[in-house]
């Protein structure tokens, strides 16, 4: 197992292969290239990268460090992008709606009966679109995923319901995305990973896939292992060597079972729709742009009202949400004065983000592939914004600098 010193030494040896050469530091600090390089050189993470596009053209692309083994981390390296994955799920739902294959105002009880009616408010319908704006009245139960043999209904418990009526109160809920994927499977009759590829990922011209589904073998082998610092050493959290050398979708299957045994529509959590997309930074840019210019998806579906206290903002992490993307208005943005539409990601050793800036016709996508030790998990927020911490702050600052040029 590599320790931090080994990763840094190996990372520095391949920096030249991971993007543009690092530029000289400016008067106010390192260049954007230098900022990304320093994340690795300072031992913050095994790898980091940033892509910035303006007017549909890439103006900056730089990666540093090690993806896995002898593979350098590049801006075309695929990784588990955490909650940025939700953008692909939401875009799939909206595109199906545009094709007339699903009505997002249909209540969830159409597919689940009374099991998805709030027990204290049984007369209140919960439309599909409320899952995407986190206003469904649901919160995450202790467990919100299942193996192939489980039905998603088996995860429904009384403690998944919030005290108030569904429809207006915001609570960020990963479980809603497993439910949404199940709805899409039941409605269309197609396995979620294949559906997302056919409706969204394929038309975008990318080879990304949920839980590695459909990703070319050579791209999977060069994918990024996500790490966490345990007892001073970088320790694999997701996509270690065995997973990257594997073939077929990476899903939890009980002994003696295969994906062919899965009954479509029974368990939309199987492909981790809440966070399991494997995609590169370069692929996230067209994804975030496409959903951000979708008027239905990107319109504010929930706005925090301090007087009404109509949502759990996670201490200011959330203030506006669309039907899929998070929205940062200019007055509450990691890039001050710049509206951003997209999503943050944080899970299993990764900090990430993918954002479209509509007023600048620009996109940014960044990732840091390492997290601190569990006892240091509460990384203090940076001075930039509540959503930015000390780990990903250099990448966000670099992106802001590039957007303003």
Protein backbone atom coordinates (compact mmCIF):
# COMPACT_ATOMS: atom_id res chain seq x y z
CA UNK A 1 0.00 0.00 0.00
CA UNK A 2 1.34 3.42 -0.94
CA UNK A 3 1.76 6.00 1.78
CA UNK A 4 1.48 9.73 1.19
CA UNK A 5 5.20 10.17 0.44
CA UNK A 6 5.13 7.47 -2.24
CA UNK A 7 2.06 8.98 -3.87
CA UNK A 8 3.57 12.46 -3.89
CA UNK A 9 6.86 11.24 -5.35
CA UNK A 10 5.13 9.23 -8.05
CA UNK A 11 2.66 12.04 -8.73
CA UNK A 12 5.41 14.60 -9.25
CA UNK A 13 7.16 12.28 -11.68
CA UNK A 14 4.17 12.17 -14.03
CA UNK A 15 2.85 15.72 -13.83
CA UNK A 16 4.06 16.49 -17.30
CA UNK A 17 1.85 13.71 -18.68
CA UNK A 18 -1.33 14.95 -17.02
CA UNK A 19 -2.04 18.24 -18.75
CA UNK A 20 -0.31 21.48 -19.49
CA UNK A 21 2.98 22.09 -17.78
CA UNK A 22 2.66 23.98 -14.52
CA UNK A 23 2.95 27.72 -15.00
CA UNK A 24 4.85 30.18 -12.90
CA UNK A 25 3.21 31.56 -9.80
CA UNK A 26 1.54 34.94 -10.16
CA UNK A 27 1.73 37.84 -7.76
CA UNK A 28 -1.34 36.65 -5.82
CA UNK A 29 -0.38 32.99 -5.56
CA UNK A 30 0.11 29.95 -7.76
CA UNK A 31 -1.10 29.74 -11.33
CA UNK A 32 -4.16 27.53 -11.95
CA UNK A 33 -1.81 24.72 -13.01
CA UNK A 34 0.29 25.25 -9.91
CA UNK A 35 -2.79 25.23 -7.68
CA UNK A 36 -3.80 21.79 -8.95
CA UNK A 37 -0.22 20.47 -8.76
CA UNK A 38 0.11 21.70 -5.17
CA UNK A 39 -2.91 19.68 -4.03
CA UNK A 40 -0.89 16.56 -4.84
CA UNK A 41 2.55 17.91 -3.91
CA UNK A 42 1.31 19.00 -0.48
CA UNK A 43 -0.14 15.56 0.24
CA UNK A 44 -3.77 16.72 0.30
CA UNK A 45 -4.87 14.02 -2.17
CA UNK A 46 -3.40 11.41 -4.50
CA UNK A 47 -4.79 13.28 -7.53
CA UNK A 48 -6.64 16.41 -8.59
CA UNK A 49 -7.89 17.98 -11.79
CA UNK A 50 -9.77 20.93 -13.24
CA UNK A 51 -11.43 21.66 -16.59
CA UNK A 52 -12.83 25.04 -17.64
CA UNK A 53 -14.81 25.64 -20.82
CA UNK A 54 -16.04 28.91 -22.32
CA UNK A 55 -18.40 29.09 -25.25
CA UNK A 56 -18.25 25.32 -25.60
CA UNK A 57 -14.46 25.30 -25.99
CA UNK A 58 -11.98 24.04 -23.42
CA UNK A 59 -9.74 26.88 -22.21
CA UNK A 60 -8.05 24.98 -19.39
CA UNK A 61 -7.52 21.28 -18.64
CA UNK A 62 -5.01 20.07 -16.09
CA UNK A 63 -4.65 16.96 -13.97
CA UNK A 64 -2.00 15.97 -11.44
CA UNK A 65 -1.07 12.86 -9.48
CA UNK A 66 -1.90 9.20 -9.79
CA UNK A 67 -5.22 7.67 -10.80
CA UNK A 68 -4.17 4.12 -9.92
CA UNK A 69 -0.99 2.06 -10.12
CA UNK A 70 1.05 3.45 -13.00
CA UNK A 71 -1.77 5.46 -14.56
CA UNK A 72 -1.52 9.24 -14.23
CA UNK A 73 -4.62 11.22 -13.38
CA UNK A 74 -5.77 13.11 -16.45
CA UNK A 75 -8.80 15.24 -17.18
CA UNK A 76 -10.15 12.33 -19.24
CA UNK A 77 -9.70 9.86 -16.36
CA UNK A 78 -12.97 8.33 -15.21
CA UNK A 79 -13.89 8.20 -11.52
CA UNK A 80 -16.92 7.80 -9.30
CA UNK A 81 -18.20 11.38 -9.38
CA UNK A 82 -20.45 11.09 -6.28
CA UNK A 83 -23.59 13.26 -6.24
CA UNK A 84 -22.75 14.96 -9.52
CA UNK A 85 -24.26 11.69 -10.83
CA UNK A 86 -27.71 13.03 -9.98
CA UNK A 87 -27.48 15.39 -12.95
CA UNK A 88 -27.43 12.43 -15.36
CA UNK A 89 -30.41 10.81 -13.62
CA UNK A 90 -32.44 14.01 -13.67
CA UNK A 91 -31.59 14.70 -17.30
CA UNK A 92 -32.77 11.18 -18.18
CA UNK A 93 -36.10 11.83 -16.44
CA UNK A 94 -36.59 15.19 -18.13
CA UNK A 95 -35.73 13.83 -21.57
CA UNK A 96 -38.20 10.98 -21.13
CA UNK A 97 -40.82 13.56 -20.15
CA UNK A 98 -40.05 15.60 -23.26
CA UNK A 99 -40.52 12.45 -25.34
CA UNK A 100 -43.91 11.84 -23.71
CA UNK A 101 -42.74 8.61 -22.07
CA UNK A 102 -43.38 9.77 -18.51
CA UNK A 103 -45.39 12.52 -16.82
CA UNK A 104 -43.33 13.95 -13.97
CA UNK A 105 -46.51 15.18 -12.27
CA UNK A 106 -47.71 11.61 -11.82
CA UNK A 107 -47.84 10.75 -8.10
CA UNK A 108 -45.46 8.10 -6.83
CA UNK A 109 -48.45 6.09 -5.61
CA UNK A 110 -49.14 5.22 -9.27
CA UNK A 111 -46.14 2.85 -9.11
CA UNK A 112 -45.93 2.12 -5.37
CA UNK A 113 -49.48 2.42 -4.06
CA UNK A 114 -49.94 3.54 -0.45
CA UNK A 115 -46.34 2.60 0.34
CA UNK A 116 -45.32 6.00 -1.01
CA UNK A 117 -48.02 8.07 0.58
CA UNK A 118 -47.02 9.92 3.72
CA UNK A 119 -48.69 8.01 6.59
CA UNK A 120 -49.69 11.28 8.30
CA UNK A 121 -50.81 12.97 5.08
CA UNK A 122 -52.26 10.17 2.93
CA UNK A 123 -54.31 12.57 0.78
CA UNK A 124 -51.23 14.52 -0.36
CA UNK A 125 -49.91 13.31 -3.70
CA UNK A 126 -46.13 13.25 -4.19
CA UNK A 127 -45.28 13.88 -7.86
CA UNK A 128 -42.16 12.37 -9.39
CA UNK A 129 -40.56 15.79 -9.91
CA UNK A 130 -40.47 16.38 -6.14
CA UNK A 131 -37.86 13.63 -5.83
CA UNK A 132 -35.51 15.71 -7.98
CA UNK A 133 -35.99 18.90 -5.93
CA UNK A 134 -35.71 17.06 -2.58
CA UNK A 135 -39.18 18.27 -1.53
CA UNK A 136 -40.93 14.88 -1.48
CA UNK A 137 -41.21 14.69 2.29
CA UNK A 138 -38.64 11.89 2.38
CA UNK A 139 -35.36 11.70 4.25
CA UNK A 140 -32.67 9.06 4.07
CA UNK A 141 -33.38 5.93 6.11
CA UNK A 142 -30.45 4.18 7.74
CA UNK A 143 -30.00 2.02 4.62
CA UNK A 144 -31.07 3.25 1.19
CA UNK A 145 -29.63 0.66 -1.22
CA UNK A 146 -30.14 -3.04 -1.85
CA UNK A 147 -28.53 -5.96 -3.63
CA UNK A 148 -30.19 -7.57 -6.62
CA UNK A 149 -32.31 -9.87 -4.50
CA UNK A 150 -34.05 -7.07 -2.63
CA UNK A 151 -37.08 -5.03 -3.67
CA UNK A 152 -36.87 -1.33 -3.00
CA UNK A 153 -40.12 -1.50 -1.03
CA UNK A 154 -38.26 -3.54 1.58
CA UNK A 155 -36.27 -0.39 2.38
CA UNK A 156 -39.37 1.69 3.16
CA UNK A 157 -39.58 2.42 6.88
CA UNK A 158 -41.61 4.87 9.00
CA UNK A 159 -38.48 6.90 9.77
CA UNK A 160 -38.01 7.84 6.10
CA UNK A 161 -40.83 10.37 6.41
CA UNK A 162 -40.37 13.93 7.61
CA UNK A 163 -42.85 15.28 10.19
CA UNK A 164 -44.58 17.79 7.89
CA UNK A 165 -46.59 17.36 4.69
CA UNK A 166 -44.75 16.63 1.44
CA UNK A 167 -44.34 19.31 -1.18
CA UNK A 168 -42.69 22.38 0.27
CA UNK A 169 -39.96 21.50 2.76
CA UNK A 170 -36.46 20.76 1.43
CA UNK A 171 -34.36 17.93 2.84
CA UNK A 172 -31.51 16.54 0.79
CA UNK A 173 -32.38 12.87 0.24
CA UNK A 174 -30.23 10.31 -1.59
CA UNK A 175 -32.93 7.67 -1.25
CA UNK A 176 -35.19 9.65 -3.55
CA UNK A 177 -32.86 8.94 -6.44
CA UNK A 178 -33.06 5.18 -5.96
CA UNK A 179 -36.83 5.57 -5.98
CA UNK A 180 -36.62 7.73 -9.11
CA UNK A 181 -34.49 5.14 -10.92
CA UNK A 182 -37.04 2.47 -9.97
CA UNK A 183 -39.86 4.63 -11.34
CA UNK A 184 -38.00 5.07 -14.64
CA UNK A 185 -37.41 1.32 -14.90
CA UNK A 186 -41.04 0.49 -14.20
CA UNK A 187 -42.31 3.12 -16.60
CA UNK A 188 -40.03 2.32 -19.54
CA UNK A 189 -39.30 -1.36 -18.84
CA UNK A 190 -35.54 -0.99 -19.24
CA UNK A 191 -32.69 -1.45 -16.78
CA UNK A 192 -31.59 1.92 -15.40
CA UNK A 193 -27.95 1.84 -16.51
CA UNK A 194 -28.94 1.00 -20.08
CA UNK A 195 -31.73 3.57 -20.06
CA UNK A 196 -29.42 6.35 -18.84
CA UNK A 197 -26.93 5.48 -21.56
CA UNK A 198 -29.55 5.37 -24.31
CA UNK A 199 -31.36 8.56 -23.34
CA UNK A 200 -28.60 10.75 -21.88
CA UNK A 201 -24.99 9.58 -21.90
CA UNK A 202 -24.85 8.17 -25.42
CA UNK A 203 -26.44 11.23 -27.04
CA UNK A 204 -23.91 13.42 -25.21
CA UNK A 205 -21.16 11.49 -26.97
CA UNK A 206 -19.53 10.26 -23.75
CA UNK A 207 -18.52 6.78 -22.62
CA UNK A 208 -19.43 7.35 -18.97
CA UNK A 209 -21.56 4.76 -17.21
CA UNK A 210 -23.23 4.02 -13.89
CA UNK A 211 -21.10 1.61 -11.86
CA UNK A 212 -18.82 1.19 -14.89
CA UNK A 213 -21.68 -0.09 -17.05
CA UNK A 214 -20.71 0.25 -20.71
CA UNK A 215 -17.34 1.91 -20.01
CA UNK A 216 -14.64 0.64 -22.40
CA UNK A 217 -12.22 -1.76 -20.73
CA UNK A 218 -9.10 0.37 -21.31
CA UNK A 219 -10.79 3.43 -19.82
CA UNK A 220 -11.87 1.46 -16.78
CA UNK A 221 -8.33 0.15 -16.22
CA UNK A 222 -7.05 3.74 -16.27
CA UNK A 223 -9.78 4.91 -13.87
CA UNK A 224 -9.19 6.64 -10.56
CA UNK A 225 -9.11 4.83 -7.23
CA UNK A 226 -10.68 6.96 -4.50
CA UNK A 227 -8.76 7.05 -1.23
CA UNK A 228 -8.99 8.07 2.39
CA UNK A 229 -6.17 8.76 4.83
CA UNK A 230 -6.24 5.99 7.45
CA UNK A 231 -3.44 5.82 10.03
CA UNK A 232 -1.32 8.07 7.88
CA UNK A 233 -1.67 6.02 4.69
CA UNK A 234 -3.88 6.44 1.65
CA UNK A 235 -6.39 3.59 1.82
CA UNK A 236 -8.70 2.44 -0.97
CA UNK A 237 -12.36 3.36 -0.54
CA UNK A 238 -13.78 2.74 -4.03
CA UNK A 239 -12.49 1.26 -7.30
CA UNK A 240 -9.38 -0.55 -6.21
CA UNK A 241 -7.28 -2.67 -8.59
CA UNK A 242 -9.65 -5.65 -8.66
CA UNK A 243 -12.63 -3.46 -9.52
CA UNK A 244 -10.77 -1.59 -12.25
CA UNK A 245 -9.56 -4.83 -13.80
CA UNK A 246 -13.07 -6.27 -13.75
CA UNK A 247 -15.59 -6.45 -16.56
CA UNK A 248 -19.28 -5.73 -16.59
CA UNK A 249 -21.19 -3.44 -14.23
CA UNK A 250 -19.87 -3.22 -10.67
CA UNK A 251 -22.91 -4.06 -8.57
CA UNK A 252 -23.60 -5.86 -5.32
CA UNK A 253 -24.73 -9.39 -6.13
CA UNK A 254 -25.24 -12.26 -3.69
CA UNK A 255 -23.35 -15.53 -4.24
CA UNK A 256 -24.69 -17.56 -7.12
CA UNK A 257 -26.53 -14.63 -8.68
CA UNK A 258 -25.75 -12.62 -11.82
CA UNK A 259 -27.10 -9.47 -13.39
CA UNK A 260 -29.20 -11.61 -15.73
CA UNK A 261 -31.27 -12.60 -12.69
CA UNK A 262 -32.32 -9.00 -12.02
CA UNK A 263 -35.99 -8.19 -12.56
CA UNK A 264 -36.26 -4.73 -14.11
CA UNK A 265 -38.23 -2.29 -11.97
CA UNK A 266 -37.67 -3.97 -8.62
CA UNK A 267 -34.60 -2.15 -7.32
CA UNK A 268 -33.43 1.11 -8.85
CA UNK A 269 -30.70 1.43 -6.22
CA UNK A 270 -28.71 -1.34 -7.93
CA UNK A 271 -26.65 1.07 -10.07
CA UNK A 272 -26.18 3.75 -7.39
CA UNK A 273 -28.11 6.55 -9.14
CA UNK A 274 -27.40 8.85 -6.20
CA UNK A 275 -23.65 8.81 -6.82
CA UNK A 276 -22.35 5.89 -8.89
CA UNK A 277 -21.69 7.47 -12.27
CA UNK A 278 -18.13 6.91 -13.53
CA UNK A 279 -17.21 9.87 -15.69
CA UNK A 280 -14.27 12.15 -16.42
CA UNK A 281 -14.02 15.88 -15.82
CA UNK A 282 -14.13 16.43 -19.55
CA UNK A 283 -17.38 14.45 -19.75
CA UNK A 284 -19.00 16.32 -16.88
CA UNK A 285 -18.82 19.63 -18.75
CA UNK A 286 -21.30 18.76 -21.53
CA UNK A 287 -23.50 16.97 -18.98
CA UNK A 288 -23.81 19.96 -16.68
CA UNK A 289 -24.27 22.36 -19.57
CA UNK A 290 -27.08 20.27 -21.05
CA UNK A 291 -29.13 20.08 -17.88
CA UNK A 292 -28.40 23.69 -16.93
CA UNK A 293 -29.89 25.00 -20.17
CA UNK A 294 -32.97 22.80 -19.74
CA UNK A 295 -35.56 25.35 -18.64
CA UNK A 296 -37.62 22.86 -16.65
CA UNK A 297 -34.72 21.24 -14.82
CA UNK A 298 -32.89 24.49 -14.03
CA UNK A 299 -35.80 26.63 -12.90
CA UNK A 300 -35.86 27.16 -9.12
CA UNK A 301 -38.16 24.55 -7.63
CA UNK A 302 -37.27 25.43 -4.04
CA UNK A 303 -35.85 28.63 -2.57
CA UNK A 304 -34.99 28.90 1.09
CA UNK A 305 -37.23 31.33 2.94
CA UNK A 306 -35.62 32.34 6.26
CA UNK A 307 -38.94 33.61 7.60
CA UNK A 308 -40.76 30.38 6.83
CA UNK A 309 -37.77 28.09 7.56
CA UNK A 310 -38.94 25.92 4.68
CA UNK A 311 -35.99 23.60 4.51
CA UNK A 312 -32.89 22.09 6.04
CA UNK A 313 -30.12 24.17 4.47
CA UNK A 314 -27.32 22.19 6.15
CA UNK A 315 -25.96 25.37 7.69
CA UNK A 316 -26.11 27.30 4.44
CA UNK A 317 -24.97 24.55 2.07
CA UNK A 318 -28.28 24.79 0.17
CA UNK A 319 -30.28 27.88 -0.72
CA UNK A 320 -31.86 27.22 -4.14
CA UNK A 321 -32.58 23.93 -5.91
CA UNK A 322 -33.98 23.01 -9.31
CA UNK A 323 -35.34 19.69 -10.51
CA UNK A 324 -31.97 17.95 -10.46
CA UNK A 325 -29.32 20.67 -10.22
CA UNK A 326 -28.37 22.79 -7.25
CA UNK A 327 -28.39 26.51 -7.98
CA UNK A 328 -26.05 29.13 -6.57
CA UNK A 329 -27.43 32.63 -7.20
CA UNK A 330 -24.83 35.38 -7.69
CA UNK A 331 -25.29 36.52 -4.09
CA UNK A 332 -24.58 33.05 -2.69
CA UNK A 333 -21.99 31.51 -5.01
CA UNK A 334 -18.56 29.88 -4.61
CA UNK A 335 -17.58 32.22 -7.44
CA UNK A 336 -18.82 35.52 -5.98
CA UNK A 337 -21.18 37.37 -8.26
CA UNK A 338 -21.48 34.46 -10.72
CA UNK A 339 -24.62 32.32 -10.93
CA UNK A 340 -23.82 28.59 -11.02
CA UNK A 341 -26.07 25.65 -11.91
CA UNK A 342 -24.81 22.14 -11.30
CA UNK A 343 -23.90 19.92 -8.36
CA UNK A 344 -21.30 19.27 -5.68
CA UNK A 345 -20.01 15.77 -4.92
CA UNK A 346 -18.57 14.36 -1.70
CA UNK A 347 -18.27 10.64 -0.97
CA UNK A 348 -15.87 7.71 -0.57
CA UNK A 349 -12.70 9.77 -0.83
CA UNK A 350 -13.83 12.30 -3.45
CA UNK A 351 -14.61 16.00 -3.50
CA UNK A 352 -15.99 17.15 -6.84
CA UNK A 353 -18.14 19.70 -8.59
CA UNK A 354 -19.53 20.42 -12.05
CA UNK A 355 -21.09 23.81 -12.80
CA UNK A 356 -22.47 25.86 -15.67
CA UNK A 357 -22.24 29.65 -15.44
CA UNK A 358 -25.07 30.82 -17.73
CA UNK A 359 -24.08 34.49 -17.75
CA UNK A 360 -20.55 33.56 -18.87
CA UNK A 361 -21.53 30.67 -21.15
CA UNK A 362 -18.96 28.61 -19.26
CA UNK A 363 -18.50 25.33 -17.37
CA UNK A 364 -16.13 24.17 -14.66
CA UNK A 365 -15.52 20.64 -13.42
CA UNK A 366 -13.05 19.65 -10.71
CA UNK A 367 -12.18 16.66 -8.55
CA UNK A 368 -9.90 15.78 -5.64
CA UNK A 369 -9.53 12.02 -5.13
CA UNK A 370 -8.61 11.86 -1.44
CA UNK A 371 -10.31 12.63 1.88
CA UNK A 372 -8.93 13.09 5.37
CA UNK A 373 -9.04 10.46 8.08
CA UNK A 374 -12.45 9.67 9.60
CA UNK A 375 -11.58 11.54 12.78
CA UNK A 376 -10.89 14.61 10.64
CA UNK A 377 -13.93 14.14 8.42
CA UNK A 378 -15.43 17.49 9.36
CA UNK A 379 -13.06 19.51 7.23
CA UNK A 380 -13.62 23.16 8.08
CA UNK A 381 -15.23 25.23 5.34
CA UNK A 382 -13.02 27.67 3.52
CA UNK A 383 -13.57 31.40 3.41
CA UNK A 384 -14.86 31.02 -0.16
CA UNK A 385 -18.28 29.51 0.59
CA UNK A 386 -20.00 27.04 2.90
CA UNK A 387 -19.87 24.40 0.16
CA UNK A 388 -16.10 24.65 -0.26
CA UNK A 389 -13.60 23.20 2.22
CA UNK A 390 -9.86 23.30 2.70
CA UNK A 391 -9.39 20.26 0.45
CA UNK A 392 -11.11 21.54 -2.70
CA UNK A 393 -10.60 25.28 -2.15
CA UNK A 394 -7.47 25.49 -4.38
CA UNK A 395 -9.38 24.02 -7.33
CA UNK A 396 -12.37 26.32 -6.81
CA UNK A 397 -10.12 29.38 -6.55
CA UNK A 398 -8.34 28.37 -9.73
CA UNK A 399 -11.65 27.91 -11.52
CA UNK A 400 -12.87 31.32 -10.36
CA UNK A 401 -9.66 32.92 -11.57
CA UNK A 402 -10.04 31.33 -15.00
CA UNK A 403 -13.71 32.31 -15.30
CA UNK A 404 -12.86 35.95 -14.68
CA UNK A 405 -10.17 36.09 -17.38
